[in-house]
């Protein structure tokens, strides 16, 4: 299942979140409430997906190197927003 999620994440992280939600219980185990993954779907999809998978890969917590992966996902989200705003101002 993890390899398919990675392939879908390369296409679109939001698509990967949808497939993760439908075909596994990773989001339910990582997040207590339903609103945080929904908010993450719209605002920080890479971070939401990385946190959920790192939570599930560890011992029901994110620690050590897993935070580095979540941080990289956050930087990917930030770069997508900054890149899109730069493109808008250049036009």
PDB file of N, CA and C in Angstrom:
ATOM      1  N   UNK A   1       0.818  -1.195   0.000  1.00  0.00           N
ATOM      2  CA  UNK A   1       0.000   0.000   0.000  1.00  0.00           C
ATOM      3  C   UNK A   1       0.858   1.254   0.000  1.00  0.00           C
ATOM      4  N   UNK A   2       1.957   1.228   0.718  1.00  0.00           N
ATOM      5  CA  UNK A   2       2.817   2.396   0.831  1.00  0.00           C
ATOM      6  C   UNK A   2       3.403   2.832  -0.503  1.00  0.00           C
ATOM      7  N   UNK A   3       3.755   1.864  -1.359  1.00  0.00           N
ATOM      8  CA  UNK A   3       4.327   2.211  -2.665  1.00  0.00           C
ATOM      9  C   UNK A   3       3.297   2.903  -3.553  1.00  0.00           C
ATOM     10  N   UNK A   4       2.065   2.475  -3.484  1.00  0.00           N
ATOM     11  CA  UNK A   4       1.019   3.139  -4.268  1.00  0.00           C
ATOM     12  C   UNK A   4       0.781   4.563  -3.787  1.00  0.00           C
ATOM     13  N   UNK A   5       0.841   4.762  -2.484  1.00  0.00           N
ATOM     14  CA  UNK A   5       0.649   6.101  -1.936  1.00  0.00           C
ATOM     15  C   UNK A   5       1.776   7.016  -2.410  1.00  0.00           C
ATOM     16  N   UNK A   6       2.995   6.510  -2.433  1.00  0.00           N
ATOM     17  CA  UNK A   6       4.122   7.315  -2.907  1.00  0.00           C
ATOM     18  C   UNK A   6       3.922   7.671  -4.379  1.00  0.00           C
ATOM     19  N   UNK A   7       3.478   6.723  -5.182  1.00  0.00           N
ATOM     20  CA  UNK A   7       3.227   7.016  -6.594  1.00  0.00           C
ATOM     21  C   UNK A   7       2.113   8.052  -6.766  1.00  0.00           C
ATOM     22  N   UNK A   8       1.042   7.916  -5.999  1.00  0.00           N
ATOM     23  CA  UNK A   8      -0.031   8.904  -6.070  1.00  0.00           C
ATOM     24  C   UNK A   8       0.426  10.260  -5.533  1.00  0.00           C
ATOM     25  N   UNK A   9       1.302  10.246  -4.527  1.00  0.00           N
ATOM     26  CA  UNK A   9       1.804  11.507  -3.963  1.00  0.00           C
ATOM     27  C   UNK A   9       2.661  12.252  -4.978  1.00  0.00           C
ATOM     28  N   UNK A  10       3.373  11.515  -5.830  1.00  0.00           N
ATOM     29  CA  UNK A  10       4.153  12.178  -6.870  1.00  0.00           C
ATOM     30  C   UNK A  10       3.246  12.875  -7.877  1.00  0.00           C
ATOM     31  N   UNK A  11       2.079  12.309  -8.109  1.00  0.00           N
ATOM     32  CA  UNK A  11       1.109  12.944  -9.008  1.00  0.00           C
ATOM     33  C   UNK A  11       0.439  14.109  -8.296  1.00  0.00           C
ATOM     34  N   UNK A  12      -0.092  13.831  -7.118  1.00  0.00           N
ATOM     35  CA  UNK A  12      -0.787  14.852  -6.342  1.00  0.00           C
ATOM     36  C   UNK A  12      -0.876  14.384  -4.895  1.00  0.00           C
ATOM     37  N   UNK A  13      -0.407  15.195  -3.945  1.00  0.00           N
ATOM     38  CA  UNK A  13      -0.513  14.773  -2.546  1.00  0.00           C
ATOM     39  C   UNK A  13      -1.967  14.682  -2.080  1.00  0.00           C
ATOM     40  N   UNK A  14      -2.827  15.490  -2.651  1.00  0.00           N
ATOM     41  CA  UNK A  14      -4.249  15.427  -2.263  1.00  0.00           C
ATOM     42  C   UNK A  14      -4.874  14.114  -2.727  1.00  0.00           C
ATOM     43  N   UNK A  15      -4.479  13.650  -3.891  1.00  0.00           N
ATOM     44  CA  UNK A  15      -4.952  12.352  -4.371  1.00  0.00           C
ATOM     45  C   UNK A  15      -4.457  11.242  -3.451  1.00  0.00           C
ATOM     46  N   UNK A  16      -3.217  11.353  -3.001  1.00  0.00           N
ATOM     47  CA  UNK A  16      -2.672  10.354  -2.083  1.00  0.00           C
ATOM     48  C   UNK A  16      -3.414  10.373  -0.746  1.00  0.00           C
ATOM     49  N   UNK A  17      -3.808  11.552  -0.266  1.00  0.00           N
ATOM     50  CA  UNK A  17      -4.578  11.634   0.979  1.00  0.00           C
ATOM     51  C   UNK A  17      -5.928  10.952   0.806  1.00  0.00           C
ATOM     52  N   UNK A  18      -6.569  11.163  -0.328  1.00  0.00           N
ATOM     53  CA  UNK A  18      -7.866  10.526  -0.579  1.00  0.00           C
ATOM     54  C   UNK A  18      -7.728   9.013  -0.602  1.00  0.00           C
ATOM     55  N   UNK A  19      -6.717   8.495  -1.305  1.00  0.00           N
ATOM     56  CA  UNK A  19      -6.526   7.048  -1.362  1.00  0.00           C
ATOM     57  C   UNK A  19      -6.122   6.483  -0.003  1.00  0.00           C
ATOM     58  N   UNK A  20      -5.338   7.237   0.759  1.00  0.00           N
ATOM     59  CA  UNK A  20      -4.975   6.792   2.106  1.00  0.00           C
ATOM     60  C   UNK A  20      -6.209   6.722   2.994  1.00  0.00           C
ATOM     61  N   UNK A  21      -7.080   7.706   2.869  1.00  0.00           N
ATOM     62  CA  UNK A  21      -8.298   7.728   3.680  1.00  0.00           C
ATOM     63  C   UNK A  21      -9.236   6.579   3.300  1.00  0.00           C
ATOM     64  N   UNK A  22      -9.367   6.300   1.999  1.00  0.00           N
ATOM     65  CA  UNK A  22     -10.304   5.270   1.552  1.00  0.00           C
ATOM     66  C   UNK A  22      -9.791   3.867   1.849  1.00  0.00           C
ATOM     67  N   UNK A  23      -8.514   3.602   1.563  1.00  0.00           N
ATOM     68  CA  UNK A  23      -8.014   2.235   1.584  1.00  0.00           C
ATOM     69  C   UNK A  23      -7.222   1.844   2.834  1.00  0.00           C
ATOM     70  N   UNK A  24      -7.006   2.770   3.751  1.00  0.00           N
ATOM     71  CA  UNK A  24      -6.306   2.394   4.983  1.00  0.00           C
ATOM     72  C   UNK A  24      -6.836   3.239   6.138  1.00  0.00           C
ATOM     73  N   UNK A  25      -6.458   2.871   7.319  1.00  0.00           N
ATOM     74  CA  UNK A  25      -6.890   3.609   8.493  1.00  0.00           C
ATOM     75  C   UNK A  25      -5.802   4.508   9.054  1.00  0.00           C
ATOM     76  N   UNK A  26      -4.833   4.851   8.222  1.00  0.00           N
ATOM     77  CA  UNK A  26      -3.686   5.631   8.692  1.00  0.00           C
ATOM     78  C   UNK A  26      -4.109   7.006   9.198  1.00  0.00           C
ATOM     79  N   UNK A  27      -4.951   7.689   8.476  1.00  0.00           N
ATOM     80  CA  UNK A  27      -5.377   9.027   8.899  1.00  0.00           C
ATOM     81  C   UNK A  27      -6.156   8.972  10.207  1.00  0.00           C
ATOM     82  N   UNK A  28      -6.979   7.974  10.369  1.00  0.00           N
ATOM     83  CA  UNK A  28      -7.748   7.829  11.602  1.00  0.00           C
ATOM     84  C   UNK A  28      -6.876   7.525  12.805  1.00  0.00           C
ATOM     85  N   UNK A  29      -5.794   6.775  12.584  1.00  0.00           N
ATOM     86  CA  UNK A  29      -4.891   6.466  13.688  1.00  0.00           C
ATOM     87  C   UNK A  29      -3.998   7.655  14.036  1.00  0.00           C
ATOM     88  N   UNK A  30      -3.608   8.437  13.045  1.00  0.00           N
ATOM     89  CA  UNK A  30      -2.671   9.534  13.282  1.00  0.00           C
ATOM     90  C   UNK A  30      -3.347  10.774  13.847  1.00  0.00           C
ATOM     91  N   UNK A  31      -4.579  11.016  13.459  1.00  0.00           N
ATOM     92  CA  UNK A  31      -5.289  12.221  13.886  1.00  0.00           C
ATOM     93  C   UNK A  31      -6.517  11.824  14.683  1.00  0.00           C
ATOM     94  N   UNK A  32      -6.703  12.474  15.816  1.00  0.00           N
ATOM     95  CA  UNK A  32      -7.848  12.163  16.675  1.00  0.00           C
ATOM     96  C   UNK A  32      -9.152  12.710  16.104  1.00  0.00           C
ATOM     97  N   UNK A  33      -9.105  13.915  15.560  1.00  0.00           N
ATOM     98  CA  UNK A  33     -10.302  14.560  15.040  1.00  0.00           C
ATOM     99  C   UNK A  33     -10.319  14.487  13.525  1.00  0.00           C
ATOM    100  N   UNK A  34     -11.472  14.705  12.941  1.00  0.00           N
ATOM    101  CA  UNK A  34     -11.614  14.655  11.488  1.00  0.00           C
ATOM    102  C   UNK A  34     -11.235  15.967  10.828  1.00  0.00           C
ATOM    103  N   UNK A  35     -11.304  17.076  11.575  1.00  0.00           N
ATOM    104  CA  UNK A  35     -11.121  18.386  10.956  1.00  0.00           C
ATOM    105  C   UNK A  35      -9.663  18.693  10.640  1.00  0.00           C
ATOM    106  N   UNK A  36      -8.722  18.122  11.374  1.00  0.00           N
ATOM    107  CA  UNK A  36      -7.313  18.402  11.111  1.00  0.00           C
ATOM    108  C   UNK A  36      -6.837  17.823   9.771  1.00  0.00           C
ATOM    109  N   UNK A  37      -7.171  16.585   9.425  1.00  0.00           N
ATOM    110  CA  UNK A  37      -6.797  16.108   8.084  1.00  0.00           C
ATOM    111  C   UNK A  37      -7.521  16.862   6.964  1.00  0.00           C
ATOM    112  N   UNK A  38      -8.755  17.291   7.212  1.00  0.00           N
ATOM    113  CA  UNK A  38      -9.477  18.061   6.194  1.00  0.00           C
ATOM    114  C   UNK A  38      -8.809  19.413   5.993  1.00  0.00           C
ATOM    115  N   UNK A  39      -8.427  20.054   7.080  1.00  0.00           N
ATOM    116  CA  UNK A  39      -7.716  21.324   6.988  1.00  0.00           C
ATOM    117  C   UNK A  39      -6.362  21.122   6.308  1.00  0.00           C
ATOM    118  N   UNK A  40      -5.683  20.057   6.660  1.00  0.00           N
ATOM    119  CA  UNK A  40      -4.410  19.738   6.028  1.00  0.00           C
ATOM    120  C   UNK A  40      -4.550  19.418   4.558  1.00  0.00           C
ATOM    121  N   UNK A  41      -5.668  18.828   4.172  1.00  0.00           N
ATOM    122  CA  UNK A  41      -5.928  18.530   2.764  1.00  0.00           C
ATOM    123  C   UNK A  41      -5.905  19.807   1.931  1.00  0.00           C
ATOM    124  N   UNK A  42      -6.467  20.874   2.474  1.00  0.00           N
ATOM    125  CA  UNK A  42      -6.546  22.125   1.727  1.00  0.00           C
ATOM    126  C   UNK A  42      -5.310  23.013   1.896  1.00  0.00           C
ATOM    127  N   UNK A  43      -4.687  23.009   3.071  1.00  0.00           N
ATOM    128  CA  UNK A  43      -3.591  23.942   3.330  1.00  0.00           C
ATOM    129  C   UNK A  43      -2.203  23.325   3.206  1.00  0.00           C
ATOM    130  N   UNK A  44      -1.984  22.193   3.826  1.00  0.00           N
ATOM    131  CA  UNK A  44      -0.661  21.563   3.852  1.00  0.00           C
ATOM    132  C   UNK A  44      -0.761  20.076   3.518  1.00  0.00           C
ATOM    133  N   UNK A  45      -1.018  19.726   2.270  1.00  0.00           N
ATOM    134  CA  UNK A  45      -1.241  18.313   1.950  1.00  0.00           C
ATOM    135  C   UNK A  45      -0.001  17.431   2.129  1.00  0.00           C
ATOM    136  N   UNK A  46       1.180  17.913   1.750  1.00  0.00           N
ATOM    137  CA  UNK A  46       2.386  17.106   1.916  1.00  0.00           C
ATOM    138  C   UNK A  46       2.667  16.846   3.389  1.00  0.00           C
ATOM    139  N   UNK A  47       2.510  17.865   4.210  1.00  0.00           N
ATOM    140  CA  UNK A  47       2.771  17.733   5.639  1.00  0.00           C
ATOM    141  C   UNK A  47       1.769  16.792   6.292  1.00  0.00           C
ATOM    142  N   UNK A  48       0.514  16.915   5.921  1.00  0.00           N
ATOM    143  CA  UNK A  48      -0.530  16.038   6.465  1.00  0.00           C
ATOM    144  C   UNK A  48      -0.244  14.581   6.133  1.00  0.00           C
ATOM    145  N   UNK A  49       0.114  14.343   4.901  1.00  0.00           N
ATOM    146  CA  UNK A  49       0.401  12.972   4.457  1.00  0.00           C
ATOM    147  C   UNK A  49       1.657  12.428   5.135  1.00  0.00           C
ATOM    148  N   UNK A  50       2.703  13.239   5.206  1.00  0.00           N
ATOM    149  CA  UNK A  50       3.951  12.778   5.815  1.00  0.00           C
ATOM    150  C   UNK A  50       3.764  12.502   7.306  1.00  0.00           C
ATOM    151  N   UNK A  51       3.047  13.383   8.009  1.00  0.00           N
ATOM    152  CA  UNK A  51       2.830  13.169   9.439  1.00  0.00           C
ATOM    153  C   UNK A  51       2.046  11.881   9.672  1.00  0.00           C
ATOM    154  N   UNK A  52       1.016  11.650   8.877  1.00  0.00           N
ATOM    155  CA  UNK A  52       0.202  10.441   9.063  1.00  0.00           C
ATOM    156  C   UNK A  52       1.022   9.181   8.828  1.00  0.00           C
ATOM    157  N   UNK A  53       1.831   9.153   7.784  1.00  0.00           N
ATOM    158  CA  UNK A  53       2.615   7.958   7.496  1.00  0.00           C
ATOM    159  C   UNK A  53       3.764   7.784   8.479  1.00  0.00           C
ATOM    160  N   UNK A  54       4.348   8.869   8.949  1.00  0.00           N
ATOM    161  CA  UNK A  54       5.410   8.743   9.950  1.00  0.00           C
ATOM    162  C   UNK A  54       4.839   8.308  11.292  1.00  0.00           C
ATOM    163  N   UNK A  55       3.634   8.751  11.611  1.00  0.00           N
ATOM    164  CA  UNK A  55       2.956   8.300  12.838  1.00  0.00           C
ATOM    165  C   UNK A  55       2.714   6.802  12.778  1.00  0.00           C
ATOM    166  N   UNK A  56       2.277   6.338  11.632  1.00  0.00           N
ATOM    167  CA  UNK A  56       1.960   4.926  11.476  1.00  0.00           C
ATOM    168  C   UNK A  56       3.221   4.067  11.395  1.00  0.00           C
ATOM    169  N   UNK A  57       4.297   4.629  10.865  1.00  0.00           N
ATOM    170  CA  UNK A  57       5.537   3.860  10.736  1.00  0.00           C
ATOM    171  C   UNK A  57       6.240   3.691  12.073  1.00  0.00           C
ATOM    172  N   UNK A  58       6.073   4.649  12.962  1.00  0.00           N
ATOM    173  CA  UNK A  58       6.724   4.589  14.273  1.00  0.00           C
ATOM    174  C   UNK A  58       5.866   3.857  15.276  1.00  0.00           C
ATOM    175  N   UNK A  59       6.121   4.158  16.509  1.00  0.00           N
ATOM    176  CA  UNK A  59       5.365   3.528  17.593  1.00  0.00           C
ATOM    177  C   UNK A  59       4.267   4.472  18.059  1.00  0.00           C
ATOM    178  N   UNK A  60       3.411   4.833  17.144  1.00  0.00           N
ATOM    179  CA  UNK A  60       2.301   5.747  17.389  1.00  0.00           C
ATOM    180  C   UNK A  60       2.762   7.092  17.935  1.00  0.00           C
ATOM    181  N   UNK A  61       3.884   7.539  17.436  1.00  0.00           N
ATOM    182  CA  UNK A  61       4.386   8.880  17.711  1.00  0.00           C
ATOM    183  C   UNK A  61       5.395   9.232  16.618  1.00  0.00           C
ATOM    184  N   UNK A  62       5.606  10.497  16.438  1.00  0.00           N
ATOM    185  CA  UNK A  62       6.602  10.957  15.477  1.00  0.00           C
ATOM    186  C   UNK A  62       7.795  11.428  16.282  1.00  0.00           C
ATOM    187  N   UNK A  63       8.946  10.817  16.034  1.00  0.00           N
ATOM    188  CA  UNK A  63      10.141  11.179  16.803  1.00  0.00           C
ATOM    189  C   UNK A  63      11.384  10.976  15.952  1.00  0.00           C
ATOM    190  N   UNK A  64      12.428  11.698  16.292  1.00  0.00           N
ATOM    191  CA  UNK A  64      13.717  11.539  15.644  1.00  0.00           C
ATOM    192  C   UNK A  64      13.712  11.905  14.176  1.00  0.00           C
ATOM    193  N   UNK A  65      14.209  10.998  13.368  1.00  0.00           N
ATOM    194  CA  UNK A  65      14.337  11.218  11.932  1.00  0.00           C
ATOM    195  C   UNK A  65      12.985  11.432  11.256  1.00  0.00           C
ATOM    196  N   UNK A  66      11.937  10.900  11.846  1.00  0.00           N
ATOM    197  CA  UNK A  66      10.596  11.073  11.276  1.00  0.00           C
ATOM    198  C   UNK A  66      10.205  12.545  11.221  1.00  0.00           C
ATOM    199  N   UNK A  67      10.635  13.344  12.217  1.00  0.00           N
ATOM    200  CA  UNK A  67      10.360  14.779  12.188  1.00  0.00           C
ATOM    201  C   UNK A  67      11.084  15.453  11.035  1.00  0.00           C
ATOM    202  N   UNK A  68      12.233  14.932  10.656  1.00  0.00           N
ATOM    203  CA  UNK A  68      12.957  15.466   9.508  1.00  0.00           C
ATOM    204  C   UNK A  68      12.145  15.271   8.228  1.00  0.00           C
ATOM    205  N   UNK A  69      11.524  14.108   8.088  1.00  0.00           N
ATOM    206  CA  UNK A  69      10.679  13.835   6.916  1.00  0.00           C
ATOM    207  C   UNK A  69       9.474  14.768   6.913  1.00  0.00           C
ATOM    208  N   UNK A  70       8.852  14.959   8.057  1.00  0.00           N
ATOM    209  CA  UNK A  70       7.707  15.875   8.152  1.00  0.00           C
ATOM    210  C   UNK A  70       8.151  17.305   7.847  1.00  0.00           C
ATOM    211  N   UNK A  71       9.331  17.684   8.307  1.00  0.00           N
ATOM    212  CA  UNK A  71       9.870  19.006   8.006  1.00  0.00           C
ATOM    213  C   UNK A  71      10.124  19.199   6.516  1.00  0.00           C
ATOM    214  N   UNK A  72      10.633  18.170   5.847  1.00  0.00           N
ATOM    215  CA  UNK A  72      10.824  18.246   4.390  1.00  0.00           C
ATOM    216  C   UNK A  72       9.484  18.403   3.681  1.00  0.00           C
ATOM    217  N   UNK A  73       8.474  17.710   4.165  1.00  0.00           N
ATOM    218  CA  UNK A  73       7.146  17.840   3.571  1.00  0.00           C
ATOM    219  C   UNK A  73       6.601  19.250   3.774  1.00  0.00           C
ATOM    220  N   UNK A  74       6.851  19.829   4.944  1.00  0.00           N
ATOM    221  CA  UNK A  74       6.422  21.198   5.204  1.00  0.00           C
ATOM    222  C   UNK A  74       7.127  22.172   4.260  1.00  0.00           C
ATOM    223  N   UNK A  75       8.410  21.950   4.028  1.00  0.00           N
ATOM    224  CA  UNK A  75       9.141  22.794   3.082  1.00  0.00           C
ATOM    225  C   UNK A  75       8.610  22.639   1.661  1.00  0.00           C
ATOM    226  N   UNK A  76       8.190  21.435   1.308  1.00  0.00           N
ATOM    227  CA  UNK A  76       7.585  21.226  -0.008  1.00  0.00           C
ATOM    228  C   UNK A  76       6.274  22.001  -0.128  1.00  0.00           C
ATOM    229  N   UNK A  77       5.469  21.992   0.935  1.00  0.00           N
ATOM    230  CA  UNK A  77       4.228  22.771   0.931  1.00  0.00           C
ATOM    231  C   UNK A  77       4.517  24.262   0.819  1.00  0.00           C
ATOM    232  N   UNK A  78       5.485  24.734   1.600  1.00  0.00           N
ATOM    233  CA  UNK A  78       5.842  26.148   1.565  1.00  0.00           C
ATOM    234  C   UNK A  78       6.366  26.554   0.195  1.00  0.00           C
ATOM    235  N   UNK A  79       7.202  25.717  -0.399  1.00  0.00           N
ATOM    236  CA  UNK A  79       7.766  26.061  -1.706  1.00  0.00           C
ATOM    237  C   UNK A  79       6.700  26.086  -2.788  1.00  0.00           C
ATOM    238  N   UNK A  80       5.688  25.255  -2.661  1.00  0.00           N
ATOM    239  CA  UNK A  80       4.617  25.300  -3.656  1.00  0.00           C
ATOM    240  C   UNK A  80       3.828  26.599  -3.544  1.00  0.00           C
ATOM    241  N   UNK A  81       3.606  27.073  -2.305  1.00  0.00           N
ATOM    242  CA  UNK A  81       2.902  28.348  -2.131  1.00  0.00           C
ATOM    243  C   UNK A  81       3.758  29.530  -2.569  1.00  0.00           C
ATOM    244  N   UNK A  82       5.026  29.515  -2.201  1.00  0.00           N
ATOM    245  CA  UNK A  82       5.905  30.622  -2.571  1.00  0.00           C
ATOM    246  C   UNK A  82       6.151  30.652  -4.077  1.00  0.00           C
ATOM    247  N   UNK A  83       6.274  29.478  -4.693  1.00  0.00           N
ATOM    248  CA  UNK A  83       6.471  29.429  -6.133  1.00  0.00           C
ATOM    249  C   UNK A  83       5.260  29.911  -6.902  1.00  0.00           C
ATOM    250  N   UNK A  84       4.087  29.575  -6.420  1.00  0.00           N
ATOM    251  CA  UNK A  84       2.883  30.022  -7.106  1.00  0.00           C
ATOM    252  C   UNK A  84       2.668  31.526  -6.937  1.00  0.00           C
ATOM    253  N   UNK A  85       3.024  32.071  -5.776  1.00  0.00           N
ATOM    254  CA  UNK A  85       2.869  33.509  -5.590  1.00  0.00           C
ATOM    255  C   UNK A  85       3.895  34.284  -6.429  1.00  0.00           C
ATOM    256  N   UNK A  86       5.081  33.736  -6.600  1.00  0.00           N
ATOM    257  CA  UNK A  86       6.088  34.374  -7.443  1.00  0.00           C
ATOM    258  C   UNK A  86       5.647  34.363  -8.902  1.00  0.00           C
ATOM    259  N   UNK A  87       5.056  33.269  -9.340  1.00  0.00           N
ATOM    260  CA  UNK A  87       4.568  33.195 -10.712  1.00  0.00           C
ATOM    261  C   UNK A  87       3.450  34.186 -10.957  1.00  0.00           C
ATOM    262  N   UNK A  88       2.572  34.371  -9.966  1.00  0.00           N
ATOM    263  CA  UNK A  88       1.486  35.323 -10.099  1.00  0.00           C
ATOM    264  C   UNK A  88       2.007  36.751 -10.228  1.00  0.00           C
ATOM    265  N   UNK A  89       3.026  37.108  -9.461  1.00  0.00           N
ATOM    266  CA  UNK A  89       3.534  38.474  -9.505  1.00  0.00           C
ATOM    267  C   UNK A  89       4.337  38.736 -10.766  1.00  0.00           C
ATOM    268  N   UNK A  90       4.908  37.715 -11.380  1.00  0.00           N
ATOM    269  CA  UNK A  90       5.654  37.895 -12.624  1.00  0.00           C
ATOM    270  C   UNK A  90       4.732  38.121 -13.817  1.00  0.00           C
ATOM    271  N   UNK A  91       3.535  37.672 -13.740  1.00  0.00           N
ATOM    272  CA  UNK A  91       2.607  37.817 -14.871  1.00  0.00           C
ATOM    273  C   UNK A  91       2.124  39.198 -14.864  1.00  0.00           C
TER     274      UNK A  91
END
